[in-house]
Amino acid sequence: MAELHVELVAADRRVWSGEASLVVARTTSGDIGVMPGHQPLLGVLEAGSVTIRTTGESGEGSVVAAVHGGFLSFADDKLSLLAEVAELADEIDVERAERALERAKSDTDAAAERRAEVRMRAVAAR
């Protein structure tokens, strides 16, 4: 099976790195799926979930991350997701995210509400 190498990097750390058969991310042009052999591309990431269908020694699985802006670049079966903020769904504290969502709604802070909703969707998608 053909694979692509994926690097998901946030401003402060490498979030995930490995081999995958498919990556789905939200861009300003809409959701995009990238598989091995895809045409080279450069896109702007929007806040949303990134789903990585993994391959490798442990078999197939998936990794879900909440991403808040950034860029993606694909060429030569290497996909780089460079996010302003990114966190794996497994790392998200659900209770804290729920509190942040409620606080954002009561403060009518649309940006904070969007970030909290993205985190909650990533948790639900894992």
Protein backbone atom coordinates (compact mmCIF):
# COMPACT_ATOMS: atom_id res chain seq x y z
CA MET A 1 0.00 0.00 0.00
CA ALA A 2 1.29 3.44 -0.91
CA GLU A 3 1.94 5.80 1.98
CA LEU A 4 2.57 9.44 2.56
CA HIS A 5 4.69 10.90 5.31
CA VAL A 6 2.78 13.33 7.55
CA GLU A 7 4.12 15.97 9.91
CA LEU A 8 1.59 17.85 12.06
CA VAL A 9 3.40 20.73 13.73
CA ALA A 10 2.08 23.48 15.99
CA ALA A 11 3.90 26.70 16.76
CA ASP A 12 5.26 25.23 19.99
CA ARG A 13 5.83 21.51 19.20
CA ARG A 14 5.63 18.59 16.83
CA VAL A 15 2.16 17.18 17.47
CA TRP A 16 2.31 14.01 15.34
CA SER A 17 4.58 12.45 12.74
CA GLY A 18 4.22 9.20 10.83
CA GLU A 19 2.96 7.32 7.81
CA ALA A 20 -0.61 7.57 6.53
CA SER A 21 -2.81 6.44 3.68
CA LEU A 22 -5.20 9.43 3.87
CA VAL A 23 -5.40 12.83 5.56
CA VAL A 24 -8.57 14.93 5.63
CA ALA A 25 -8.35 18.60 6.63
CA ARG A 26 -10.46 21.73 6.35
CA THR A 27 -9.04 24.51 4.18
CA THR A 28 -10.37 27.88 3.07
CA SER A 29 -11.44 26.10 -0.14
CA GLY A 30 -13.33 23.40 1.76
CA ASP A 31 -12.48 19.96 3.10
CA ILE A 32 -9.67 18.20 1.27
CA GLY A 33 -8.47 14.63 1.30
CA VAL A 34 -4.83 13.93 0.51
CA MET A 35 -3.65 10.46 -0.50
CA PRO A 36 -0.32 9.22 -1.84
CA GLY A 37 0.26 10.50 -5.37
CA HIS A 38 -1.89 13.63 -4.89
CA GLN A 39 -0.96 16.65 -6.95
CA PRO A 40 1.32 19.11 -5.13
CA LEU A 41 -0.67 21.69 -3.21
CA LEU A 42 -0.42 24.55 -0.77
CA GLY A 43 -3.47 25.53 1.28
CA VAL A 44 -4.61 27.60 4.21
CA LEU A 45 -6.00 25.59 7.13
CA GLU A 46 -9.19 26.69 8.78
CA ALA A 47 -10.18 25.79 12.31
CA GLY A 48 -11.42 22.23 12.24
CA SER A 49 -10.55 18.61 12.73
CA VAL A 50 -7.74 16.88 10.88
CA THR A 51 -8.14 13.14 10.49
CA ILE A 52 -5.09 11.04 9.67
CA ARG A 53 -5.63 7.42 8.63
CA THR A 54 -2.43 5.84 9.86
CA THR A 55 -0.46 2.91 8.53
CA GLY A 56 2.62 1.21 9.85
CA GLU A 57 3.86 -1.57 12.08
CA SER A 58 0.84 -1.51 14.39
CA GLY A 59 -1.63 -1.69 11.50
CA GLU A 60 -4.24 0.79 10.40
CA GLY A 61 -5.83 3.27 12.74
CA SER A 62 -6.62 6.93 12.86
CA VAL A 63 -5.43 10.05 14.61
CA VAL A 64 -7.71 13.06 15.06
CA ALA A 65 -6.48 16.53 15.95
CA ALA A 66 -8.12 19.90 16.54
CA VAL A 67 -6.35 22.51 14.41
CA HIS A 68 -6.80 26.26 14.68
CA GLY A 69 -5.44 27.89 11.52
CA GLY A 70 -2.20 27.47 9.63
CA PHE A 71 -1.03 26.01 6.34
CA LEU A 72 -0.67 22.67 4.62
CA SER A 73 1.81 21.71 1.96
CA PHE A 74 2.01 18.50 -0.05
CA ALA A 75 4.69 17.37 -2.52
CA ASP A 76 6.54 14.11 -3.20
CA ASP A 77 4.26 12.14 -0.85
CA LYS A 78 5.16 14.40 2.10
CA LEU A 79 2.39 16.35 3.80
CA SER A 80 3.21 19.13 6.24
CA LEU A 81 0.46 20.62 8.36
CA LEU A 82 1.81 23.76 10.03
CA ALA A 83 -0.78 24.91 12.53
CA GLU A 84 -0.97 27.95 14.76
CA VAL A 85 -2.45 25.71 17.46
CA ALA A 86 -3.03 21.95 17.28
CA GLU A 87 -3.82 19.26 19.80
CA LEU A 88 -4.57 15.60 19.48
CA ALA A 89 -8.12 14.62 20.41
CA ASP A 90 -6.71 12.22 23.01
CA GLU A 91 -4.98 15.16 24.74
CA ILE A 92 -8.10 17.32 25.05
CA ASP A 93 -9.59 17.65 28.51
CA VAL A 94 -13.30 17.30 27.70
CA GLU A 95 -14.56 18.95 30.89
CA ARG A 96 -12.26 21.92 30.39
CA ALA A 97 -13.35 22.24 26.74
CA GLU A 98 -17.02 22.14 27.78
CA ARG A 99 -16.41 24.88 30.36
CA ALA A 100 -14.58 26.99 27.77
CA LEU A 101 -17.49 26.57 25.35
CA GLU A 102 -20.04 27.66 27.96
CA ARG A 103 -17.87 30.62 29.01
CA ALA A 104 -17.43 31.72 25.37
CA LYS A 105 -21.18 31.52 24.75
CA SER A 106 -21.98 33.59 27.84
CA ASP A 107 -19.29 36.15 26.94
CA THR A 108 -20.47 36.20 23.30
CA ASP A 109 -16.87 35.62 22.22
CA ALA A 110 -17.30 34.13 18.74
CA ALA A 111 -13.62 33.25 18.26
CA ALA A 112 -13.35 31.46 21.61
CA GLU A 113 -16.64 29.69 20.93
CA ARG A 114 -15.34 28.46 17.56
CA ARG A 115 -12.10 27.15 19.15
CA ALA A 116 -14.04 25.29 21.84
CA GLU A 117 -16.44 23.81 19.28
CA VAL A 118 -13.53 22.56 17.15
CA ARG A 119 -12.00 20.89 20.21
CA MET A 120 -15.31 19.22 21.07
CA ARG A 121 -15.80 17.97 17.48
CA ALA A 122 -12.28 16.52 17.47
CA VAL A 123 -13.03 14.61 20.67
CA ALA A 124 -16.30 13.31 19.20
CA ALA A 125 -14.56 12.21 15.98
CA ARG A 126 -11.89 10.11 17.65
